[in-house]
Amino acid sequence: MKWQNPLRKYGIKGIKDTIDAILSLDINVRPLDEIIIKMAAEIFDKFGISPYDCIHVATMNARGIKEIISADKEFDKITNIKRIDPLRYED
């Protein structure tokens, strides 16, 4: 199976500008480290979801986060997290 850059998949060509815009938001960006990468590989072997999604789940697990807001139904395969559809999210 071929994995694509998620930004290019949606036709976003100005990746640097898009990343700069995302990083300008008030969000906490966590670095990738060896532990997260190993956890992501285990998640991939167990659930077979996108490697990008595996990184998200591994980071969530490492930080004790149990919910994710995402339209990506692949997260529903992960048993220890709950996916919240953004169209159904209520603050």
PDB file of N, CA and C in Angstrom:
ATOM      1  N   MET A   1       0.850  -1.186   0.000  1.00  0.00           N
ATOM      2  CA  MET A   1       0.000   0.000   0.000  1.00  0.00           C
ATOM      3  C   MET A   1       0.890   1.241   0.000  1.00  0.00           C
ATOM      4  N   LYS A   2       0.579   2.191  -0.834  1.00  0.00           N
ATOM      5  CA  LYS A   2       1.369   3.418  -0.940  1.00  0.00           C
ATOM      6  C   LYS A   2       0.789   4.475  -0.002  1.00  0.00           C
ATOM      7  N   TRP A   3       1.647   5.062   0.836  1.00  0.00           N
ATOM      8  CA  TRP A   3       1.222   6.124   1.749  1.00  0.00           C
ATOM      9  C   TRP A   3       1.637   7.456   1.145  1.00  0.00           C
ATOM     10  N   GLN A   4       0.753   8.418   1.243  1.00  0.00           N
ATOM     11  CA  GLN A   4       1.001   9.737   0.679  1.00  0.00           C
ATOM     12  C   GLN A   4       1.196  10.750   1.785  1.00  0.00           C
ATOM     13  N   ASN A   5       1.862  11.839   1.437  1.00  0.00           N
ATOM     14  CA  ASN A   5       1.924  12.962   2.346  1.00  0.00           C
ATOM     15  C   ASN A   5       0.490  13.447   2.541  1.00  0.00           C
ATOM     16  N   PRO A   6       0.022  13.538   3.786  1.00  0.00           N
ATOM     17  CA  PRO A   6      -1.390  13.891   4.002  1.00  0.00           C
ATOM     18  C   PRO A   6      -1.778  15.268   3.469  1.00  0.00           C
ATOM     19  N   LEU A   7      -0.839  16.207   3.429  1.00  0.00           N
ATOM     20  CA  LEU A   7      -1.172  17.524   2.898  1.00  0.00           C
ATOM     21  C   LEU A   7      -1.314  17.489   1.380  1.00  0.00           C
ATOM     22  N   ARG A   8      -0.430  16.772   0.717  1.00  0.00           N
ATOM     23  CA  ARG A   8      -0.521  16.657  -0.741  1.00  0.00           C
ATOM     24  C   ARG A   8      -1.777  15.894  -1.158  1.00  0.00           C
ATOM     25  N   LYS A   9      -2.179  14.947  -0.336  1.00  0.00           N
ATOM     26  CA  LYS A   9      -3.378  14.157  -0.628  1.00  0.00           C
ATOM     27  C   LYS A   9      -4.599  15.060  -0.822  1.00  0.00           C
ATOM     28  N   TYR A  10      -4.609  16.189  -0.114  1.00  0.00           N
ATOM     29  CA  TYR A  10      -5.738  17.112  -0.210  1.00  0.00           C
ATOM     30  C   TYR A  10      -5.454  18.277  -1.138  1.00  0.00           C
ATOM     31  N   GLY A  11      -4.403  18.161  -1.948  1.00  0.00           N
ATOM     32  CA  GLY A  11      -4.109  19.187  -2.943  1.00  0.00           C
ATOM     33  C   GLY A  11      -3.429  20.423  -2.396  1.00  0.00           C
ATOM     34  N   ILE A  12      -2.907  20.339  -1.182  1.00  0.00           N
ATOM     35  CA  ILE A  12      -2.212  21.482  -0.590  1.00  0.00           C
ATOM     36  C   ILE A  12      -0.776  21.465  -1.079  1.00  0.00           C
ATOM     37  N   LYS A  13      -0.396  22.505  -1.814  1.00  0.00           N
ATOM     38  CA  LYS A  13       0.932  22.529  -2.417  1.00  0.00           C
ATOM     39  C   LYS A  13       1.915  23.370  -1.627  1.00  0.00           C
ATOM     40  N   GLY A  14       1.470  24.415  -0.990  1.00  0.00           N
ATOM     41  CA  GLY A  14       2.352  25.278  -0.207  1.00  0.00           C
ATOM     42  C   GLY A  14       2.588  24.679   1.159  1.00  0.00           C
ATOM     43  N   ILE A  15       3.292  23.558   1.210  1.00  0.00           N
ATOM     44  CA  ILE A  15       3.440  22.826   2.466  1.00  0.00           C
ATOM     45  C   ILE A  15       4.177  23.656   3.509  1.00  0.00           C
ATOM     46  N   LYS A  16       5.241  24.334   3.126  1.00  0.00           N
ATOM     47  CA  LYS A  16       5.973  25.148   4.096  1.00  0.00           C
ATOM     48  C   LYS A  16       5.068  26.222   4.690  1.00  0.00           C
ATOM     49  N   ASP A  17       4.314  26.915   3.841  1.00  0.00           N
ATOM     50  CA  ASP A  17       3.400  27.944   4.338  1.00  0.00           C
ATOM     51  C   ASP A  17       2.325  27.340   5.237  1.00  0.00           C
ATOM     52  N   THR A  18       1.835  26.167   4.861  1.00  0.00           N
ATOM     53  CA  THR A  18       0.809  25.501   5.667  1.00  0.00           C
ATOM     54  C   THR A  18       1.375  25.113   7.031  1.00  0.00           C
ATOM     55  N   ILE A  19       2.562  24.541   7.051  1.00  0.00           N
ATOM     56  CA  ILE A  19       3.203  24.165   8.318  1.00  0.00           C
ATOM     57  C   ILE A  19       3.465  25.395   9.171  1.00  0.00           C
ATOM     58  N   ASP A  20       3.965  26.460   8.567  1.00  0.00           N
ATOM     59  CA  ASP A  20       4.197  27.703   9.312  1.00  0.00           C
ATOM     60  C   ASP A  20       2.900  28.220   9.928  1.00  0.00           C
ATOM     61  N   ALA A  21       1.807  28.135   9.179  1.00  0.00           N
ATOM     62  CA  ALA A  21       0.507  28.595   9.686  1.00  0.00           C
ATOM     63  C   ALA A  21       0.049  27.730  10.854  1.00  0.00           C
ATOM     64  N   ILE A  22       0.194  26.431  10.718  1.00  0.00           N
ATOM     65  CA  ILE A  22      -0.207  25.521  11.805  1.00  0.00           C
ATOM     66  C   ILE A  22       0.615  25.797  13.056  1.00  0.00           C
ATOM     67  N   LEU A  23       1.933  25.956  12.890  1.00  0.00           N
ATOM     68  CA  LEU A  23       2.804  26.182  14.035  1.00  0.00           C
ATOM     69  C   LEU A  23       2.615  27.550  14.667  1.00  0.00           C
ATOM     70  N   SER A  24       1.953  28.468  13.969  1.00  0.00           N
ATOM     71  CA  SER A  24       1.685  29.782  14.552  1.00  0.00           C
ATOM     72  C   SER A  24       0.501  29.746  15.516  1.00  0.00           C
ATOM     73  N   LEU A  25      -0.255  28.634  15.493  1.00  0.00           N
ATOM     74  CA  LEU A  25      -1.391  28.485  16.402  1.00  0.00           C
ATOM     75  C   LEU A  25      -0.908  28.197  17.819  1.00  0.00           C
ATOM     76  N   ASP A  26      -1.786  28.385  18.777  1.00  0.00           N
ATOM     77  CA  ASP A  26      -1.457  28.118  20.176  1.00  0.00           C
ATOM     78  C   ASP A  26      -1.627  26.617  20.444  1.00  0.00           C
ATOM     79  N   ILE A  27      -0.670  25.819  19.914  1.00  0.00           N
ATOM     80  CA  ILE A  27      -0.715  24.378  20.100  1.00  0.00           C
ATOM     81  C   ILE A  27       0.641  23.908  20.618  1.00  0.00           C
ATOM     82  N   ASN A  28       0.625  22.771  21.252  1.00  0.00           N
ATOM     83  CA  ASN A  28       1.840  22.192  21.802  1.00  0.00           C
ATOM     84  C   ASN A  28       2.311  21.090  20.858  1.00  0.00           C
ATOM     85  N   VAL A  29       3.442  21.274  20.222  1.00  0.00           N
ATOM     86  CA  VAL A  29       3.992  20.294  19.291  1.00  0.00           C
ATOM     87  C   VAL A  29       4.993  19.435  20.052  1.00  0.00           C
ATOM     88  N   ARG A  30       4.778  18.118  20.013  1.00  0.00           N
ATOM     89  CA  ARG A  30       5.655  17.177  20.715  1.00  0.00           C
ATOM     90  C   ARG A  30       6.677  16.591  19.749  1.00  0.00           C
ATOM     91  N   PRO A  31       7.917  16.505  20.168  1.00  0.00           N
ATOM     92  CA  PRO A  31       8.932  15.926  19.287  1.00  0.00           C
ATOM     93  C   PRO A  31       8.771  14.410  19.175  1.00  0.00           C
ATOM     94  N   LEU A  32       9.195  13.878  18.043  1.00  0.00           N
ATOM     95  CA  LEU A  32       9.258  12.430  17.875  1.00  0.00           C
ATOM     96  C   LEU A  32      10.534  11.941  18.531  1.00  0.00           C
ATOM     97  N   ASP A  33      10.440  10.853  19.265  1.00  0.00           N
ATOM     98  CA  ASP A  33      11.638  10.261  19.820  1.00  0.00           C
ATOM     99  C   ASP A  33      11.600   8.754  19.592  1.00  0.00           C
ATOM    100  N   GLU A  34      12.634   8.083  20.010  1.00  0.00           N
ATOM    101  CA  GLU A  34      12.762   6.648  19.783  1.00  0.00           C
ATOM    102  C   GLU A  34      11.604   5.863  20.399  1.00  0.00           C
ATOM    103  N   ILE A  35      11.159   6.260  21.571  1.00  0.00           N
ATOM    104  CA  ILE A  35      10.062   5.556  22.247  1.00  0.00           C
ATOM    105  C   ILE A  35       8.782   5.657  21.434  1.00  0.00           C
ATOM    106  N   ILE A  36       8.450   6.851  20.956  1.00  0.00           N
ATOM    107  CA  ILE A  36       7.236   7.054  20.157  1.00  0.00           C
ATOM    108  C   ILE A  36       7.316   6.239  18.868  1.00  0.00           C
ATOM    109  N   ILE A  37       8.472   6.234  18.223  1.00  0.00           N
ATOM    110  CA  ILE A  37       8.625   5.495  16.971  1.00  0.00           C
ATOM    111  C   ILE A  37       8.440   4.001  17.194  1.00  0.00           C
ATOM    112  N   LYS A  38       9.013   3.464  18.274  1.00  0.00           N
ATOM    113  CA  LYS A  38       8.839   2.043  18.584  1.00  0.00           C
ATOM    114  C   LYS A  38       7.375   1.717  18.898  1.00  0.00           C
ATOM    115  N   MET A  39       6.723   2.600  19.659  1.00  0.00           N
ATOM    116  CA  MET A  39       5.308   2.390  19.975  1.00  0.00           C
ATOM    117  C   MET A  39       4.473   2.425  18.698  1.00  0.00           C
ATOM    118  N   ALA A  40       4.785   3.353  17.802  1.00  0.00           N
ATOM    119  CA  ALA A  40       4.045   3.467  16.545  1.00  0.00           C
ATOM    120  C   ALA A  40       4.202   2.201  15.706  1.00  0.00           C
ATOM    121  N   ALA A  41       5.392   1.627  15.698  1.00  0.00           N
ATOM    122  CA  ALA A  41       5.619   0.390  14.947  1.00  0.00           C
ATOM    123  C   ALA A  41       4.781  -0.753  15.516  1.00  0.00           C
ATOM    124  N   GLU A  42       4.672  -0.826  16.829  1.00  0.00           N
ATOM    125  CA  GLU A  42       3.836  -1.859  17.463  1.00  0.00           C
ATOM    126  C   GLU A  42       2.362  -1.654  17.113  1.00  0.00           C
ATOM    127  N   ILE A  43       1.915  -0.420  17.115  1.00  0.00           N
ATOM    128  CA  ILE A  43       0.525  -0.106  16.760  1.00  0.00           C
ATOM    129  C   ILE A  43       0.261  -0.483  15.308  1.00  0.00           C
ATOM    130  N   PHE A  44       1.227  -0.187  14.432  1.00  0.00           N
ATOM    131  CA  PHE A  44       1.076  -0.554  13.025  1.00  0.00           C
ATOM    132  C   PHE A  44       0.948  -2.064  12.873  1.00  0.00           C
ATOM    133  N   ASP A  45       1.791  -2.819  13.570  1.00  0.00           N
ATOM    134  CA  ASP A  45       1.730  -4.280  13.484  1.00  0.00           C
ATOM    135  C   ASP A  45       0.400  -4.818  14.000  1.00  0.00           C
ATOM    136  N   LYS A  46      -0.130  -4.193  15.025  1.00  0.00           N
ATOM    137  CA  LYS A  46      -1.369  -4.685  15.649  1.00  0.00           C
ATOM    138  C   LYS A  46      -2.622  -4.280  14.883  1.00  0.00           C
ATOM    139  N   PHE A  47      -2.671  -3.025  14.403  1.00  0.00           N
ATOM    140  CA  PHE A  47      -3.912  -2.498  13.831  1.00  0.00           C
ATOM    141  C   PHE A  47      -3.847  -2.228  12.323  1.00  0.00           C
ATOM    142  N   GLY A  48      -2.651  -2.101  11.767  1.00  0.00           N
ATOM    143  CA  GLY A  48      -2.502  -1.899  10.335  1.00  0.00           C
ATOM    144  C   GLY A  48      -3.038  -0.583   9.803  1.00  0.00           C
ATOM    145  N   ILE A  49      -3.032   0.449  10.635  1.00  0.00           N
ATOM    146  CA  ILE A  49      -3.489   1.757  10.166  1.00  0.00           C
ATOM    147  C   ILE A  49      -2.303   2.544   9.608  1.00  0.00           C
ATOM    148  N   SER A  50      -2.578   3.681   9.030  1.00  0.00           N
ATOM    149  CA  SER A  50      -1.553   4.535   8.438  1.00  0.00           C
ATOM    150  C   SER A  50      -0.409   4.793   9.422  1.00  0.00           C
ATOM    151  N   PRO A  51       0.823   4.781   8.944  1.00  0.00           N
ATOM    152  CA  PRO A  51       1.945   5.128   9.833  1.00  0.00           C
ATOM    153  C   PRO A  51       1.789   6.510  10.474  1.00  0.00           C
ATOM    154  N   TYR A  52       1.203   7.448   9.750  1.00  0.00           N
ATOM    155  CA  TYR A  52       0.950   8.774  10.333  1.00  0.00           C
ATOM    156  C   TYR A  52       0.004   8.660  11.527  1.00  0.00           C
ATOM    157  N   ASP A  53      -1.061   7.900  11.360  1.00  0.00           N
ATOM    158  CA  ASP A  53      -2.015   7.702  12.456  1.00  0.00           C
ATOM    159  C   ASP A  53      -1.362   6.972  13.622  1.00  0.00           C
ATOM    160  N   CYS A  54      -0.469   6.034  13.323  1.00  0.00           N
ATOM    161  CA  CYS A  54       0.243   5.306  14.380  1.00  0.00           C
ATOM    162  C   CYS A  54       1.068   6.262  15.233  1.00  0.00           C
ATOM    163  N   ILE A  55       1.702   7.243  14.595  1.00  0.00           N
ATOM    164  CA  ILE A  55       2.474   8.245  15.343  1.00  0.00           C
ATOM    165  C   ILE A  55       1.554   9.039  16.260  1.00  0.00           C
ATOM    166  N   HIS A  56       0.363   9.416  15.744  1.00  0.00           N
ATOM    167  CA  HIS A  56      -0.595  10.152  16.578  1.00  0.00           C
ATOM    168  C   HIS A  56      -1.017   9.314  17.781  1.00  0.00           C
ATOM    169  N   VAL A  57      -1.350   8.056  17.549  1.00  0.00           N
ATOM    170  CA  VAL A  57      -1.812   7.189  18.633  1.00  0.00           C
ATOM    171  C   VAL A  57      -0.689   6.939  19.638  1.00  0.00           C
ATOM    172  N   ALA A  58       0.522   6.704  19.158  1.00  0.00           N
ATOM    173  CA  ALA A  58       1.650   6.488  20.061  1.00  0.00           C
ATOM    174  C   ALA A  58       1.898   7.720  20.932  1.00  0.00           C
ATOM    175  N   THR A  59       1.819   8.896  20.332  1.00  0.00           N
ATOM    176  CA  THR A  59       1.992  10.135  21.094  1.00  0.00           C
ATOM    177  C   THR A  59       0.877  10.285  22.123  1.00  0.00           C
ATOM    178  N   MET A  60      -0.351   9.977  21.718  1.00  0.00           N
ATOM    179  CA  MET A  60      -1.469  10.031  22.657  1.00  0.00           C
ATOM    180  C   MET A  60      -1.238   9.086  23.831  1.00  0.00           C
ATOM    181  N   ASN A  61      -0.839   7.849  23.520  1.00  0.00           N
ATOM    182  CA  ASN A  61      -0.613   6.862  24.578  1.00  0.00           C
ATOM    183  C   ASN A  61       0.483   7.320  25.535  1.00  0.00           C
ATOM    184  N   ALA A  62       1.553   7.881  24.997  1.00  0.00           N
ATOM    185  CA  ALA A  62       2.668   8.342  25.824  1.00  0.00           C
ATOM    186  C   ALA A  62       2.270   9.496  26.729  1.00  0.00           C
ATOM    187  N   ARG A  63       1.300  10.276  26.293  1.00  0.00           N
ATOM    188  CA  ARG A  63       0.861  11.449  27.070  1.00  0.00           C
ATOM    189  C   ARG A  63      -0.418  11.192  27.872  1.00  0.00           C
ATOM    190  N   GLY A  64      -0.971   9.981  27.795  1.00  0.00           N
ATOM    191  CA  GLY A  64      -2.179   9.653  28.547  1.00  0.00           C
ATOM    192  C   GLY A  64      -3.441  10.271  27.968  1.00  0.00           C
ATOM    193  N   ILE A  65      -3.416  10.586  26.681  1.00  0.00           N
ATOM    194  CA  ILE A  65      -4.571  11.190  26.010  1.00  0.00           C
ATOM    195  C   ILE A  65      -5.463  10.073  25.482  1.00  0.00           C
ATOM    196  N   LYS A  66      -6.751  10.141  25.757  1.00  0.00           N
ATOM    197  CA  LYS A  66      -7.676   9.060  25.403  1.00  0.00           C
ATOM    198  C   LYS A  66      -8.682   9.427  24.318  1.00  0.00           C
ATOM    199  N   GLU A  67      -8.735  10.688  23.908  1.00  0.00           N
ATOM    200  CA  GLU A  67      -9.698  11.117  22.893  1.00  0.00           C
ATOM    201  C   GLU A  67      -8.986  11.902  21.799  1.00  0.00           C
ATOM    202  N   ILE A  68      -9.482  11.738  20.577  1.00  0.00           N
ATOM    203  CA  ILE A  68      -8.948  12.480  19.441  1.00  0.00           C
ATOM    204  C   ILE A  68     -10.111  13.026  18.621  1.00  0.00           C
ATOM    205  N   ILE A  69     -10.023  14.269  18.206  1.00  0.00           N
ATOM    206  CA  ILE A  69     -11.016  14.858  17.310  1.00  0.00           C
ATOM    207  C   ILE A  69     -10.505  14.640  15.894  1.00  0.00           C
ATOM    208  N   SER A  70     -11.208  13.822  15.132  1.00  0.00           N
ATOM    209  CA  SER A  70     -10.766  13.481  13.787  1.00  0.00           C
ATOM    210  C   SER A  70     -11.918  12.904  12.978  1.00  0.00           C
ATOM    211  N   ALA A  71     -11.929  13.206  11.701  1.00  0.00           N
ATOM    212  CA  ALA A  71     -12.905  12.592  10.791  1.00  0.00           C
ATOM    213  C   ALA A  71     -12.402  11.241  10.288  1.00  0.00           C
ATOM    214  N   ASP A  72     -11.159  10.909  10.584  1.00  0.00           N
ATOM    215  CA  ASP A  72     -10.531   9.678  10.109  1.00  0.00           C
ATOM    216  C   ASP A  72     -11.045   8.475  10.894  1.00  0.00           C
ATOM    217  N   LYS A  73     -11.859   7.664  10.250  1.00  0.00           N
ATOM    218  CA  LYS A  73     -12.475   6.503  10.914  1.00  0.00           C
ATOM    219  C   LYS A  73     -11.478   5.387  11.204  1.00  0.00           C
ATOM    220  N   GLU A  74     -10.271   5.475  10.669  1.00  0.00           N
ATOM    221  CA  GLU A  74      -9.242   4.480  10.988  1.00  0.00           C
ATOM    222  C   GLU A  74      -8.953   4.465  12.491  1.00  0.00           C
ATOM    223  N   PHE A  75      -9.107   5.624  13.154  1.00  0.00           N
ATOM    224  CA  PHE A  75      -8.867   5.683  14.594  1.00  0.00           C
ATOM    225  C   PHE A  75      -9.864   4.827  15.373  1.00  0.00           C
ATOM    226  N   ASP A  76     -10.998   4.495  14.771  1.00  0.00           N
ATOM    227  CA  ASP A  76     -11.984   3.647  15.445  1.00  0.00           C
ATOM    228  C   ASP A  76     -11.459   2.228  15.659  1.00  0.00           C
ATOM    229  N   LYS A  77     -10.431   1.837  14.929  1.00  0.00           N
ATOM    230  CA  LYS A  77      -9.835   0.512  15.087  1.00  0.00           C
ATOM    231  C   LYS A  77      -9.002   0.401  16.363  1.00  0.00           C
ATOM    232  N   ILE A  78      -8.611   1.528  16.924  1.00  0.00           N
ATOM    233  CA  ILE A  78      -7.756   1.534  18.109  1.00  0.00           C
ATOM    234  C   ILE A  78      -8.645   1.430  19.345  1.00  0.00           C
ATOM    235  N   THR A  79      -8.434   0.373  20.109  1.00  0.00           N
ATOM    236  CA  THR A  79      -9.358   0.056  21.200  1.00  0.00           C
ATOM    237  C   THR A  79      -9.229   0.942  22.432  1.00  0.00           C
ATOM    238  N   ASN A  80      -8.063   1.549  22.644  1.00  0.00           N
ATOM    239  CA  ASN A  80      -7.896   2.315  23.883  1.00  0.00           C
ATOM    240  C   ASN A  80      -8.101   3.820  23.726  1.00  0.00           C
ATOM    241  N   ILE A  81      -8.569   4.262  22.555  1.00  0.00           N
ATOM    242  CA  ILE A  81      -8.881   5.680  22.385  1.00  0.00           C
ATOM    243  C   ILE A  81     -10.295   5.845  21.819  1.00  0.00           C
ATOM    244  N   LYS A  82     -10.824   7.025  22.007  1.00  0.00           N
ATOM    245  CA  LYS A  82     -12.150   7.354  21.469  1.00  0.00           C
ATOM    246  C   LYS A  82     -11.983   8.453  20.435  1.00  0.00           C
ATOM    247  N   ARG A  83     -12.534   8.209  19.237  1.00  0.00           N
ATOM    248  CA  ARG A  83     -12.512   9.220  18.182  1.00  0.00           C
ATOM    249  C   ARG A  83     -13.787  10.041  18.270  1.00  0.00           C
ATOM    250  N   ILE A  84     -13.637  11.347  18.229  1.00  0.00           N
ATOM    251  CA  ILE A  84     -14.773  12.262  18.205  1.00  0.00           C
ATOM    252  C   ILE A  84     -14.812  12.900  16.826  1.00  0.00           C
ATOM    253  N   ASP A  85     -15.901  12.703  16.117  1.00  0.00           N
ATOM    254  CA  ASP A  85     -16.058  13.301  14.800  1.00  0.00           C
ATOM    255  C   ASP A  85     -16.152  14.818  14.961  1.00  0.00           C
ATOM    256  N   PRO A  86     -15.384  15.593  14.194  1.00  0.00           N
ATOM    257  CA  PRO A  86     -15.423  17.055  14.356  1.00  0.00           C
ATOM    258  C   PRO A  86     -16.793  17.663  14.113  1.00  0.00           C
ATOM    259  N   LEU A  87     -17.614  17.003  13.292  1.00  0.00           N
ATOM    260  CA  LEU A  87     -18.960  17.521  13.059  1.00  0.00           C
ATOM    261  C   LEU A  87     -19.882  17.300  14.253  1.00  0.00           C
ATOM    262  N   ARG A  88     -19.484  16.431  15.155  1.00  0.00           N
ATOM    263  CA  ARG A  88     -20.288  16.146  16.358  1.00  0.00           C
ATOM    264  C   ARG A  88     -19.669  16.690  17.633  1.00  0.00           C
ATOM    265  N   TYR A  89     -18.540  17.356  17.491  1.00  0.00           N
ATOM    266  CA  TYR A  89     -17.836  17.878  18.671  1.00  0.00           C
ATOM    267  C   TYR A  89     -18.609  19.020  19.300  1.00  0.00           C
ATOM    268  N   GLU A  90     -18.736  18.949  20.608  1.00  0.00           N
ATOM    269  CA  GLU A  90     -19.346  20.041  21.375  1.00  0.00           C
ATOM    270  C   GLU A  90     -18.390  20.427  22.472  1.00  0.00           C
ATOM    271  N   ASP A  91     -18.078  21.702  22.540  1.00  0.00           N
ATOM    272  CA  ASP A  91     -17.136  22.211  23.535  1.00  0.00           C
ATOM    273  C   ASP A  91     -17.751  22.216  24.918  1.00  0.00           C
TER     274      ASP A  91
END
